[in-house]
Amino acid sequence: MKKIQKNYVSGCNIAFGWFLFLTIGISACTQSTSKTYGRFQQLEGHWQATGSVEMNLRIQQAKDSSIVGAVYSHSRADTSYIESFVIFVQQGRVYYSEGTTTDTAASLPLKKSVSGKVVFENLHTDYPNRVIFKWNADSTCSIQKENGRGNKVIGFQMKRN
């Protein structure tokens, strides 16, 4: 009888250990999502390209769970709209999408988030397959788009206006 009771207690400890592991893991993912999304809120405002290309970027929060951005150029006589994007949270995950769609199938989910660098990637979508945001504190930001092999790179270095 003692042996059966000991195995039962050991099984309960293992089950409790897995429950604790999953609970901590899920809560860590939630904190990571809100932390990553919060980083993009730091980028709100107007940005201007530092190179010879006259590009501008405007990032603003649209809703509680989405941030929209527009990249455009200024010429002396006219403003040309280039493209827009949205960063949104859906079902606990952060996504990047070109245009204004929040369809997760056509979007790039967050793949990596470390201090000052966020990578979105989906190898099953049309170009771009990867979008990388890098920023240094509050003054500089770069956005880079590329295909799945890491070539066909388009990128801009930006400074805050």
N, C-alpha and C. Protein backbone atom coordinates (compact mmCIF):
# COMPACT_ATOMS: atom_id res chain seq x y z
N MET A 1 0.82 -1.20 0.00
CA MET A 1 0.00 0.00 0.00
C MET A 1 0.86 1.25 0.00
N LYS A 2 1.98 1.21 0.71
CA LYS A 2 2.86 2.36 0.79
C LYS A 2 3.41 2.74 -0.58
N LYS A 3 3.78 1.73 -1.38
CA LYS A 3 4.37 1.97 -2.68
C LYS A 3 3.38 2.68 -3.60
N ILE A 4 2.15 2.30 -3.64
CA ILE A 4 1.12 2.92 -4.47
C ILE A 4 0.92 4.37 -4.07
N GLN A 5 0.87 4.63 -2.79
CA GLN A 5 0.68 6.00 -2.31
C GLN A 5 1.88 6.87 -2.71
N LYS A 6 3.08 6.34 -2.63
CA LYS A 6 4.27 7.10 -2.98
C LYS A 6 4.25 7.47 -4.47
N ASN A 7 3.87 6.54 -5.36
CA ASN A 7 3.79 6.81 -6.80
C ASN A 7 2.72 7.84 -7.10
N TYR A 8 1.61 7.78 -6.39
CA TYR A 8 0.53 8.74 -6.57
C TYR A 8 0.99 10.15 -6.20
N VAL A 9 1.69 10.28 -5.08
CA VAL A 9 2.21 11.58 -4.64
C VAL A 9 3.23 12.10 -5.65
N SER A 10 4.11 11.22 -6.12
CA SER A 10 5.12 11.59 -7.11
C SER A 10 4.44 12.06 -8.40
N GLY A 11 3.40 11.37 -8.83
CA GLY A 11 2.65 11.77 -10.03
C GLY A 11 2.00 13.12 -9.85
N CYS A 12 1.46 13.39 -8.67
CA CYS A 12 0.86 14.70 -8.39
C CYS A 12 1.91 15.81 -8.45
N ASN A 13 3.10 15.53 -7.92
CA ASN A 13 4.17 16.53 -7.97
C ASN A 13 4.58 16.83 -9.40
N ILE A 14 4.65 15.81 -10.23
CA ILE A 14 5.00 16.02 -11.64
C ILE A 14 3.90 16.83 -12.34
N ALA A 15 2.65 16.47 -12.11
CA ALA A 15 1.53 17.20 -12.72
C ALA A 15 1.54 18.66 -12.26
N PHE A 16 1.77 18.89 -10.98
CA PHE A 16 1.82 20.25 -10.46
C PHE A 16 2.98 21.02 -11.08
N GLY A 17 4.12 20.32 -11.25
CA GLY A 17 5.29 20.95 -11.87
C GLY A 17 5.00 21.40 -13.30
N TRP A 18 4.33 20.55 -14.08
CA TRP A 18 3.95 20.92 -15.45
C TRP A 18 2.96 22.08 -15.45
N PHE A 19 2.00 22.03 -14.55
CA PHE A 19 1.03 23.13 -14.46
C PHE A 19 1.73 24.44 -14.17
N LEU A 20 2.67 24.44 -13.23
CA LEU A 20 3.43 25.63 -12.88
C LEU A 20 4.27 26.11 -14.05
N PHE A 21 4.93 25.19 -14.74
CA PHE A 21 5.75 25.52 -15.91
C PHE A 21 4.91 26.19 -17.00
N LEU A 22 3.74 25.60 -17.32
CA LEU A 22 2.87 26.16 -18.35
C LEU A 22 2.30 27.51 -17.94
N THR A 23 1.92 27.66 -16.68
CA THR A 23 1.38 28.93 -16.21
C THR A 23 2.42 30.03 -16.32
N ILE A 24 3.62 29.77 -15.89
CA ILE A 24 4.69 30.77 -15.96
C ILE A 24 5.02 31.06 -17.42
N GLY A 25 5.07 30.02 -18.26
CA GLY A 25 5.37 30.21 -19.68
C GLY A 25 4.34 31.06 -20.38
N ILE A 26 3.06 30.82 -20.11
CA ILE A 26 1.99 31.60 -20.74
C ILE A 26 2.03 33.04 -20.24
N SER A 27 2.23 33.25 -18.96
CA SER A 27 2.28 34.62 -18.45
C SER A 27 3.51 35.35 -18.98
N ALA A 28 4.62 34.65 -19.21
CA ALA A 28 5.81 35.29 -19.77
C ALA A 28 5.54 35.72 -21.20
N CYS A 29 4.80 34.92 -21.98
CA CYS A 29 4.47 35.30 -23.34
C CYS A 29 3.59 36.54 -23.35
N THR A 30 2.65 36.62 -22.46
CA THR A 30 1.77 37.78 -22.38
C THR A 30 2.56 39.03 -22.04
N GLN A 31 3.47 38.94 -21.08
CA GLN A 31 4.29 40.10 -20.73
C GLN A 31 5.16 40.51 -21.90
N SER A 32 5.70 39.54 -22.64
CA SER A 32 6.55 39.83 -23.78
C SER A 32 5.76 40.56 -24.86
N THR A 33 4.52 40.13 -25.11
CA THR A 33 3.67 40.78 -26.10
C THR A 33 3.41 42.22 -25.72
N SER A 34 3.01 42.47 -24.49
CA SER A 34 2.72 43.85 -24.09
C SER A 34 3.99 44.69 -24.05
N LYS A 35 5.11 44.09 -23.67
CA LYS A 35 6.37 44.82 -23.65
C LYS A 35 6.80 45.21 -25.07
N THR A 36 6.70 44.27 -26.02
CA THR A 36 7.05 44.55 -27.41
C THR A 36 6.14 45.60 -27.99
N TYR A 37 4.85 45.46 -27.76
CA TYR A 37 3.90 46.45 -28.27
C TYR A 37 4.19 47.82 -27.65
N GLY A 38 4.53 47.85 -26.39
CA GLY A 38 4.88 49.10 -25.71
C GLY A 38 6.09 49.77 -26.33
N ARG A 39 7.03 48.97 -26.82
CA ARG A 39 8.21 49.54 -27.49
C ARG A 39 7.80 50.33 -28.72
N PHE A 40 6.83 49.82 -29.46
CA PHE A 40 6.38 50.54 -30.65
C PHE A 40 5.66 51.84 -30.28
N GLN A 41 5.04 51.86 -29.13
CA GLN A 41 4.41 53.11 -28.69
C GLN A 41 5.47 54.19 -28.46
N GLN A 42 6.70 53.79 -28.12
CA GLN A 42 7.80 54.75 -27.96
C GLN A 42 8.17 55.39 -29.29
N LEU A 43 7.85 54.75 -30.40
CA LEU A 43 8.21 55.26 -31.72
C LEU A 43 7.17 56.22 -32.30
N GLU A 44 6.11 56.47 -31.55
CA GLU A 44 5.09 57.39 -32.06
C GLU A 44 5.69 58.75 -32.37
N GLY A 45 5.25 59.33 -33.47
CA GLY A 45 5.71 60.66 -33.86
C GLY A 45 6.16 60.70 -35.31
N HIS A 46 6.88 61.77 -35.63
CA HIS A 46 7.35 62.01 -37.00
C HIS A 46 8.85 61.70 -37.08
N TRP A 47 9.23 61.02 -38.14
CA TRP A 47 10.62 60.63 -38.38
C TRP A 47 11.00 61.05 -39.79
N GLN A 48 12.28 61.35 -40.00
CA GLN A 48 12.78 61.76 -41.30
C GLN A 48 14.02 60.95 -41.65
N ALA A 49 14.17 60.55 -42.93
CA ALA A 49 15.32 59.77 -43.36
C ALA A 49 16.60 60.59 -43.20
N THR A 50 17.67 59.92 -42.79
CA THR A 50 18.94 60.61 -42.58
C THR A 50 19.78 60.65 -43.86
N GLY A 51 19.47 59.85 -44.86
CA GLY A 51 20.25 59.81 -46.10
C GLY A 51 19.80 60.86 -47.09
N SER A 52 20.19 60.65 -48.34
CA SER A 52 19.87 61.62 -49.39
C SER A 52 18.43 61.51 -49.88
N VAL A 53 17.76 60.40 -49.59
CA VAL A 53 16.37 60.22 -49.99
C VAL A 53 15.47 60.99 -49.03
N GLU A 54 14.54 61.74 -49.56
CA GLU A 54 13.62 62.51 -48.72
C GLU A 54 12.42 61.65 -48.36
N MET A 55 12.57 60.85 -47.31
CA MET A 55 11.50 59.98 -46.84
C MET A 55 11.09 60.41 -45.44
N ASN A 56 9.82 60.26 -45.16
CA ASN A 56 9.28 60.59 -43.84
C ASN A 56 8.45 59.41 -43.35
N LEU A 57 8.37 59.30 -42.06
CA LEU A 57 7.60 58.24 -41.42
C LEU A 57 6.79 58.86 -40.30
N ARG A 58 5.53 58.50 -40.25
CA ARG A 58 4.68 58.94 -39.15
C ARG A 58 4.08 57.69 -38.51
N ILE A 59 4.26 57.57 -37.21
CA ILE A 59 3.73 56.43 -36.46
C ILE A 59 2.80 56.96 -35.38
N GLN A 60 1.61 56.39 -35.28
CA GLN A 60 0.67 56.80 -34.24
C GLN A 60 -0.20 55.63 -33.82
N GLN A 61 -0.66 55.68 -32.60
CA GLN A 61 -1.55 54.65 -32.08
C GLN A 61 -2.96 54.91 -32.61
N ALA A 62 -3.57 53.89 -33.18
CA ALA A 62 -4.92 54.03 -33.73
C ALA A 62 -5.97 53.55 -32.75
N LYS A 63 -5.72 52.44 -32.11
CA LYS A 63 -6.63 51.85 -31.13
C LYS A 63 -5.78 51.32 -30.00
N ASP A 64 -6.42 50.70 -29.03
CA ASP A 64 -5.67 50.10 -27.93
C ASP A 64 -4.75 48.99 -28.40
N SER A 65 -5.11 48.33 -29.51
CA SER A 65 -4.33 47.18 -29.93
C SER A 65 -3.75 47.31 -31.34
N SER A 66 -3.59 48.55 -31.85
CA SER A 66 -2.94 48.72 -33.15
C SER A 66 -2.22 50.06 -33.25
N ILE A 67 -1.12 50.01 -33.97
CA ILE A 67 -0.32 51.20 -34.26
C ILE A 67 -0.19 51.27 -35.77
N VAL A 68 -0.45 52.43 -36.34
CA VAL A 68 -0.36 52.59 -37.79
C VAL A 68 0.83 53.46 -38.14
N GLY A 69 1.41 53.17 -39.29
CA GLY A 69 2.53 53.95 -39.77
C GLY A 69 2.33 54.27 -41.23
N ALA A 70 2.84 55.40 -41.66
CA ALA A 70 2.79 55.80 -43.06
C ALA A 70 4.16 56.32 -43.46
N VAL A 71 4.66 55.81 -44.56
CA VAL A 71 5.94 56.26 -45.11
C VAL A 71 5.60 57.07 -46.35
N TYR A 72 6.11 58.29 -46.42
CA TYR A 72 5.81 59.16 -47.55
C TYR A 72 7.01 60.05 -47.85
N SER A 73 7.00 60.65 -49.03
CA SER A 73 8.09 61.55 -49.40
C SER A 73 7.53 62.94 -49.65
N HIS A 74 8.37 63.92 -49.41
CA HIS A 74 8.01 65.32 -49.70
C HIS A 74 8.82 65.79 -50.88
N SER A 75 8.17 66.32 -51.88
CA SER A 75 8.88 67.06 -52.91
C SER A 75 8.49 68.52 -52.73
N ARG A 76 9.14 69.39 -53.41
CA ARG A 76 8.86 70.82 -53.21
C ARG A 76 7.42 71.19 -53.59
N ALA A 77 6.88 70.55 -54.61
CA ALA A 77 5.56 70.93 -55.09
C ALA A 77 4.44 70.01 -54.61
N ASP A 78 4.79 68.80 -54.16
CA ASP A 78 3.74 67.84 -53.89
C ASP A 78 4.19 66.85 -52.81
N THR A 79 3.24 66.20 -52.18
CA THR A 79 3.53 65.12 -51.25
C THR A 79 3.11 63.82 -51.90
N SER A 80 4.01 62.86 -51.98
CA SER A 80 3.70 61.55 -52.57
C SER A 80 3.54 60.54 -51.45
N TYR A 81 2.43 59.90 -51.43
CA TYR A 81 2.17 58.85 -50.45
C TYR A 81 2.83 57.57 -50.96
N ILE A 82 3.61 56.92 -50.15
CA ILE A 82 4.31 55.71 -50.59
C ILE A 82 3.59 54.45 -50.10
N GLU A 83 3.54 54.23 -48.79
CA GLU A 83 2.91 53.02 -48.26
C GLU A 83 2.54 53.19 -46.80
N SER A 84 1.71 52.28 -46.34
CA SER A 84 1.32 52.30 -44.93
C SER A 84 1.47 50.89 -44.35
N PHE A 85 1.49 50.83 -43.03
CA PHE A 85 1.56 49.54 -42.35
C PHE A 85 0.83 49.65 -41.03
N VAL A 86 0.53 48.49 -40.47
CA VAL A 86 -0.12 48.43 -39.16
C VAL A 86 0.57 47.36 -38.33
N ILE A 87 0.79 47.67 -37.06
CA ILE A 87 1.30 46.71 -36.09
C ILE A 87 0.16 46.49 -35.11
N PHE A 88 -0.24 45.25 -34.95
CA PHE A 88 -1.42 44.99 -34.13
C PHE A 88 -1.24 43.75 -33.27
N VAL A 89 -2.05 43.67 -32.24
CA VAL A 89 -2.06 42.52 -31.34
C VAL A 89 -3.36 41.78 -31.57
N GLN A 90 -3.24 40.46 -31.76
CA GLN A 90 -4.43 39.64 -31.93
C GLN A 90 -4.16 38.29 -31.28
N GLN A 91 -5.04 37.87 -30.42
CA GLN A 91 -4.94 36.61 -29.68
C GLN A 91 -3.57 36.45 -29.02
N GLY A 92 -3.11 37.52 -28.40
CA GLY A 92 -1.88 37.48 -27.63
C GLY A 92 -0.59 37.52 -28.43
N ARG A 93 -0.67 37.75 -29.73
CA ARG A 93 0.53 37.83 -30.58
C ARG A 93 0.59 39.19 -31.27
N VAL A 94 1.81 39.63 -31.56
CA VAL A 94 2.03 40.91 -32.24
C VAL A 94 2.31 40.61 -33.71
N TYR A 95 1.68 41.38 -34.62
CA TYR A 95 1.82 41.19 -36.06
C TYR A 95 2.17 42.51 -36.74
N TYR A 96 2.82 42.38 -37.90
CA TYR A 96 3.08 43.50 -38.81
C TYR A 96 2.33 43.19 -40.10
N SER A 97 1.65 44.19 -40.67
CA SER A 97 0.94 43.99 -41.92
C SER A 97 1.08 45.22 -42.79
N GLU A 98 1.29 45.02 -44.08
CA GLU A 98 1.34 46.11 -45.04
C GLU A 98 -0.09 46.59 -45.27
N GLY A 99 -0.26 47.87 -45.55
CA GLY A 99 -1.58 48.43 -45.74
C GLY A 99 -2.28 48.60 -44.40
N THR A 100 -3.57 48.34 -44.39
CA THR A 100 -4.34 48.51 -43.15
C THR A 100 -5.02 47.22 -42.70
N THR A 101 -4.72 46.11 -43.35
CA THR A 101 -5.38 44.85 -43.00
C THR A 101 -4.86 44.29 -41.69
N THR A 102 -5.74 43.68 -40.94
CA THR A 102 -5.35 42.98 -39.72
C THR A 102 -5.65 41.49 -39.85
N ASP A 103 -5.53 40.98 -41.08
CA ASP A 103 -5.70 39.56 -41.37
C ASP A 103 -4.40 38.85 -41.01
N THR A 104 -4.43 37.98 -40.02
CA THR A 104 -3.20 37.34 -39.55
C THR A 104 -2.59 36.40 -40.59
N ALA A 105 -3.39 35.85 -41.51
CA ALA A 105 -2.85 34.93 -42.52
C ALA A 105 -1.92 35.66 -43.49
N ALA A 106 -2.19 36.92 -43.77
CA ALA A 106 -1.38 37.70 -44.70
C ALA A 106 -0.35 38.57 -43.98
N SER A 107 -0.25 38.43 -42.67
CA SER A 107 0.63 39.28 -41.87
C SER A 107 1.91 38.56 -41.49
N LEU A 108 2.83 39.30 -40.93
CA LEU A 108 4.10 38.76 -40.45
C LEU A 108 4.06 38.76 -38.93
N PRO A 109 4.06 37.59 -38.30
CA PRO A 109 4.04 37.55 -36.84
C PRO A 109 5.42 37.90 -36.26
N LEU A 110 5.41 38.35 -35.03
CA LEU A 110 6.63 38.66 -34.32
C LEU A 110 7.46 37.40 -34.17
N LYS A 111 8.72 37.46 -34.62
CA LYS A 111 9.60 36.30 -34.49
C LYS A 111 10.61 36.51 -33.38
N LYS A 112 11.14 37.73 -33.24
CA LYS A 112 12.18 37.97 -32.25
C LYS A 112 12.06 39.40 -31.75
N SER A 113 12.22 39.56 -30.46
CA SER A 113 12.18 40.88 -29.85
C SER A 113 13.25 40.95 -28.77
N VAL A 114 14.26 41.76 -29.02
CA VAL A 114 15.29 42.02 -28.04
C VAL A 114 15.40 43.53 -27.91
N SER A 115 16.09 43.98 -26.92
CA SER A 115 16.19 45.41 -26.66
C SER A 115 16.62 46.16 -27.92
N GLY A 116 15.75 47.00 -28.42
CA GLY A 116 16.08 47.84 -29.57
C GLY A 116 15.98 47.17 -30.93
N LYS A 117 15.52 45.93 -31.00
CA LYS A 117 15.38 45.24 -32.29
C LYS A 117 14.17 44.32 -32.26
N VAL A 118 13.32 44.47 -33.27
CA VAL A 118 12.13 43.63 -33.39
C VAL A 118 12.09 43.08 -34.81
N VAL A 119 11.88 41.76 -34.92
CA VAL A 119 11.85 41.10 -36.22
C VAL A 119 10.49 40.43 -36.41
N PHE A 120 9.83 40.76 -37.53
CA PHE A 120 8.59 40.11 -37.94
C PHE A 120 8.94 39.24 -39.14
N GLU A 121 8.37 38.01 -39.20
CA GLU A 121 8.73 37.14 -40.31
C GLU A 121 7.61 36.17 -40.64
N ASN A 122 7.36 36.01 -41.94
CA ASN A 122 6.44 35.00 -42.45
C ASN A 122 6.97 34.60 -43.83
N LEU A 123 7.55 33.43 -43.94
CA LEU A 123 8.17 32.99 -45.19
C LEU A 123 7.14 32.55 -46.22
N HIS A 124 5.85 32.54 -45.86
CA HIS A 124 4.80 32.07 -46.76
C HIS A 124 3.99 33.22 -47.35
N THR A 125 4.44 34.44 -47.21
CA THR A 125 3.74 35.59 -47.79
C THR A 125 4.55 36.14 -48.95
N ASP A 126 3.95 37.05 -49.70
CA ASP A 126 4.67 37.76 -50.74
C ASP A 126 5.68 38.69 -50.07
N TYR A 127 6.55 39.27 -50.91
CA TYR A 127 7.55 40.21 -50.38
C TYR A 127 6.86 41.32 -49.61
N PRO A 128 7.35 41.74 -48.49
CA PRO A 128 8.52 41.26 -47.77
C PRO A 128 8.18 40.05 -46.90
N ASN A 129 9.16 39.17 -46.73
CA ASN A 129 9.00 38.03 -45.82
C ASN A 129 9.49 38.37 -44.42
N ARG A 130 10.30 39.40 -44.32
CA ARG A 130 10.88 39.79 -43.03
C ARG A 130 10.93 41.32 -42.96
N VAL A 131 10.51 41.86 -41.83
CA VAL A 131 10.60 43.30 -41.56
C VAL A 131 11.29 43.46 -40.22
N ILE A 132 12.32 44.30 -40.20
CA ILE A 132 13.14 44.49 -39.00
C ILE A 132 13.09 45.95 -38.60
N PHE A 133 12.73 46.20 -37.36
CA PHE A 133 12.77 47.54 -36.78
C PHE A 133 13.92 47.56 -35.77
N LYS A 134 14.77 48.58 -35.86
CA LYS A 134 15.83 48.77 -34.88
C LYS A 134 15.77 50.22 -34.43
N TRP A 135 15.95 50.45 -33.14
CA TRP A 135 16.01 51.83 -32.68
C TRP A 135 16.95 51.97 -31.51
N ASN A 136 17.47 53.17 -31.39
CA ASN A 136 18.41 53.52 -30.34
C ASN A 136 17.76 54.60 -29.50
N ALA A 137 17.37 54.25 -28.32
CA ALA A 137 16.71 55.20 -27.40
C ALA A 137 15.54 55.87 -28.10
N ASP A 138 15.56 57.18 -28.13
CA ASP A 138 14.43 57.94 -28.66
C ASP A 138 14.80 58.73 -29.91
N SER A 139 16.03 58.60 -30.41
CA SER A 139 16.47 59.52 -31.45
C SER A 139 16.64 58.92 -32.84
N THR A 140 16.99 57.64 -32.97
CA THR A 140 17.19 57.05 -34.29
C THR A 140 16.42 55.74 -34.42
N CYS A 141 16.04 55.45 -35.65
CA CYS A 141 15.25 54.25 -35.94
C CYS A 141 15.60 53.81 -37.36
N SER A 142 15.63 52.51 -37.60
CA SER A 142 15.79 52.01 -38.96
C SER A 142 14.73 50.95 -39.21
N ILE A 143 14.27 50.93 -40.45
CA ILE A 143 13.29 49.95 -40.89
C ILE A 143 13.89 49.24 -42.09
N GLN A 144 13.86 47.92 -42.07
CA GLN A 144 14.45 47.15 -43.16
C GLN A 144 13.48 46.06 -43.58
N LYS A 145 13.27 45.93 -44.89
CA LYS A 145 12.43 44.86 -45.44
C LYS A 145 13.31 43.99 -46.31
N GLU A 146 13.05 42.68 -46.27
CA GLU A 146 13.84 41.76 -47.09
C GLU A 146 13.03 40.51 -47.39
N ASN A 147 13.55 39.71 -48.32
CA ASN A 147 12.90 38.43 -48.58
C ASN A 147 13.43 37.38 -47.61
N GLY A 148 12.98 36.15 -47.74
CA GLY A 148 13.35 35.09 -46.80
C GLY A 148 14.81 34.72 -46.80
N ARG A 149 15.53 34.99 -47.91
CA ARG A 149 16.96 34.68 -47.98
C ARG A 149 17.81 35.83 -47.46
N GLY A 150 17.20 36.94 -47.09
CA GLY A 150 17.95 38.07 -46.54
C GLY A 150 18.52 38.98 -47.59
N ASN A 151 18.14 38.81 -48.85
CA ASN A 151 18.57 39.75 -49.87
C ASN A 151 17.36 40.54 -50.35
N LYS A 152 17.50 41.32 -51.39
CA LYS A 152 16.45 42.26 -51.82
C LYS A 152 16.06 43.16 -50.66
N VAL A 153 17.06 43.74 -50.04
CA VAL A 153 16.85 44.56 -48.85
C VAL A 153 16.49 45.98 -49.25
N ILE A 154 15.46 46.50 -48.61
CA ILE A 154 15.10 47.92 -48.72
C ILE A 154 15.07 48.43 -47.29
N GLY A 155 15.77 49.51 -47.04
CA GLY A 155 15.81 50.02 -45.68
C GLY A 155 16.07 51.50 -45.61
N PHE A 156 15.65 52.09 -44.52
CA PHE A 156 15.84 53.52 -44.28
C PHE A 156 16.30 53.76 -42.86
N GLN A 157 17.25 54.65 -42.70
CA GLN A 157 17.66 55.15 -41.39
C GLN A 157 16.85 56.40 -41.13
N MET A 158 16.25 56.49 -39.96
CA MET A 158 15.38 57.62 -39.65
C MET A 158 15.86 58.30 -38.36
N LYS A 159 15.59 59.60 -38.29
CA LYS A 159 15.82 60.36 -37.04
C LYS A 159 14.51 61.06 -36.71
N ARG A 160 14.31 61.28 -35.44
CA ARG A 160 13.06 61.91 -35.00
C ARG A 160 13.03 63.38 -35.40
N ASN A 161 11.90 63.82 -35.92
CA ASN A 161 11.71 65.24 -36.26
C ASN A 161 11.44 66.04 -35.02
